[in-house]
Structures are given as structure tokens and as C-alpha cells.
């Protein structure tokens, strides 16, 4: 019998089998969280990325689907930031990776 099977004892049918639920969490964490960006991480690093003056007049509100939303204190500052948007986006991409933040949006508040 062992010559026919190619081994001494057949392997158990339930060996090395696990439920899908055991793997779903780890797969989702690797795929989703590795690609997403933690909002708290952005809020913490914003002062370093933007500088003192800009960070004192803005606040990161959210990061969703690669879009960073910043709350701006004054319309004049919003206009200024619109002019600086390419430079800010470049700095953010340098800090967090080029695929993490795709755009910056401003909201007055």
C-alpha cells in the first residue's frame, strides 16, 4: 500500500485546513490599512510639513480616499494655500509616500 500511495501513512484530510474567518482580518489589514493613511499621523506631522505659520492657520480635518481636507481660518489664507497647493502636495507626498495623498481640499471654518 505504501508503494501505491507514495508514503507510509496517508495525510489526515483535516490537516492544514483553517476557517476563512481566521485569515480575513489579517488580509484586510494588510490590504486596506497598508494602503490607507492614519489621520492622526497626518495631524501630528502637519506642523512639520506645512511650517509654523500655515499650521497655525489650518487644521487637517480628514483623509479619505487619498484626499486631505484642511480647515482654513480665513478666506485670504485659503487663497494663499490654493496658490501653494502644488508645493504642499509635493511635501506631503515626500513625507507619506506619493500614493497616499492624491489631492488637498480646503474648507473654511
Protein backbone atom coordinates (compact mmCIF):
# COMPACT_ATOMS: atom_id res chain seq x y z
CA UNK A 1 0.00 0.00 0.00
CA UNK A 2 2.82 2.45 0.81
CA UNK A 3 4.30 1.97 -2.68
CA UNK A 4 0.97 2.84 -4.24
CA UNK A 5 0.38 5.92 -2.01
CA UNK A 6 3.98 7.11 -2.14
CA UNK A 7 4.16 7.48 1.64
CA UNK A 8 3.91 5.38 4.76
CA UNK A 9 0.74 6.84 6.19
CA UNK A 10 -1.87 8.91 4.37
CA UNK A 11 -2.18 12.50 5.49
CA UNK A 12 -5.25 13.44 7.51
CA UNK A 13 -7.94 15.19 5.49
CA UNK A 14 -8.36 17.96 8.08
CA UNK A 15 -4.67 18.79 8.46
CA UNK A 16 -3.59 22.27 7.41
CA UNK A 17 -7.19 23.40 6.97
CA UNK A 18 -8.45 26.54 8.64
CA UNK A 19 -11.60 28.59 8.51
CA UNK A 20 -11.69 31.62 6.24
CA UNK A 21 -12.58 33.80 9.23
CA UNK A 22 -9.13 33.08 10.66
CA UNK A 23 -7.48 34.83 7.67
CA UNK A 24 -9.91 37.59 6.68
CA UNK A 25 -8.80 40.06 9.36
CA UNK A 26 -5.12 39.74 8.53
CA UNK A 27 -5.75 40.02 4.78
CA UNK A 28 -7.90 43.13 5.19
CA UNK A 29 -5.37 44.76 7.49
CA UNK A 30 -2.57 44.12 5.03
CA UNK A 31 -4.52 45.37 2.04
CA UNK A 32 -6.57 48.21 3.49
CA UNK A 33 -4.51 49.61 6.31
CA UNK A 34 -1.21 49.29 4.50
CA UNK A 35 -2.62 51.42 1.69
CA UNK A 36 -4.52 53.88 3.83
CA UNK A 37 -3.09 56.67 5.91
CA UNK A 38 -3.75 57.23 9.55
CA UNK A 39 -5.43 60.61 10.09
CA UNK A 40 -3.71 61.07 13.44
CA UNK A 41 -0.35 60.56 11.78
CA UNK A 42 -1.15 63.35 9.30
CA UNK A 43 -2.38 65.67 12.07
CA UNK A 44 0.77 65.09 14.06
CA UNK A 45 3.10 65.69 11.12
CA UNK A 46 1.19 68.64 9.65
CA UNK A 47 3.19 71.31 11.52
CA UNK A 48 6.45 69.81 10.33
CA UNK A 49 5.24 69.55 6.72
CA UNK A 50 3.46 72.92 6.46
CA UNK A 51 5.55 75.09 8.75
CA UNK A 52 4.55 77.19 11.76
CA UNK A 53 2.57 79.93 10.03
CA UNK A 54 0.47 77.68 7.82
CA UNK A 55 -0.13 75.09 10.52
CA UNK A 56 -1.32 77.79 12.94
CA UNK A 57 -3.98 78.86 10.40
CA UNK A 58 -5.02 75.41 9.22
CA UNK A 59 -6.03 72.08 10.68
CA UNK A 60 -6.15 68.68 8.99
CA UNK A 61 -9.76 67.50 9.28
CA UNK A 62 -9.77 64.18 7.44
CA UNK A 63 -8.02 61.92 4.99
CA UNK A 64 -10.40 59.87 2.86
CA UNK A 65 -9.64 58.05 -0.37
CA UNK A 66 -6.39 59.95 -0.73
CA UNK A 67 -7.94 63.39 -0.28
CA UNK A 68 -6.64 65.54 2.56
CA UNK A 69 -9.21 68.05 3.82
CA UNK A 70 -7.82 71.08 5.63
CA UNK A 71 -9.86 73.54 7.69
CA UNK A 72 -8.68 77.08 6.99
CA UNK A 73 -9.29 80.00 9.34
CA UNK A 74 -9.65 82.85 6.82
CA UNK A 75 -10.61 83.30 3.15
CA UNK A 76 -7.35 85.13 2.45
CA UNK A 77 -5.39 82.20 3.84
CA UNK A 78 -7.42 79.82 1.69
CA UNK A 79 -6.50 81.85 -1.41
CA UNK A 80 -2.85 81.76 -0.36
CA UNK A 81 -2.99 78.00 0.16
CA UNK A 82 -4.64 77.45 -3.22
CA UNK A 83 -1.59 79.13 -4.74
CA UNK A 84 0.71 76.92 -2.64
CA UNK A 85 -1.23 73.69 -3.22
CA UNK A 86 1.32 72.07 -5.60
CA UNK A 87 4.18 72.73 -3.16
CA UNK A 88 2.19 71.48 -0.15
CA UNK A 89 1.16 68.37 -2.04
CA UNK A 90 4.76 67.69 -3.02
CA UNK A 91 5.90 67.97 0.61
CA UNK A 92 3.10 65.71 1.82
CA UNK A 93 3.92 63.12 -0.82
CA UNK A 94 7.58 63.24 0.18
CA UNK A 95 6.62 62.66 3.82
CA UNK A 96 3.95 59.96 3.42
CA UNK A 97 4.58 58.44 0.01
CA UNK A 98 3.37 59.51 -3.39
CA UNK A 99 0.32 57.23 -3.47
CA UNK A 100 -1.10 58.09 -0.05
CA UNK A 101 -2.37 61.64 -0.65
CA UNK A 102 -3.69 62.49 -4.12
CA UNK A 103 -5.16 65.92 -3.51
CA UNK A 104 -5.72 68.65 -0.95
CA UNK A 105 -9.09 70.30 -0.39
CA UNK A 106 -9.72 73.37 1.73
CA UNK A 107 -12.78 74.23 3.79
CA UNK A 108 -13.40 77.46 5.68
CA UNK A 109 -14.21 77.10 9.31
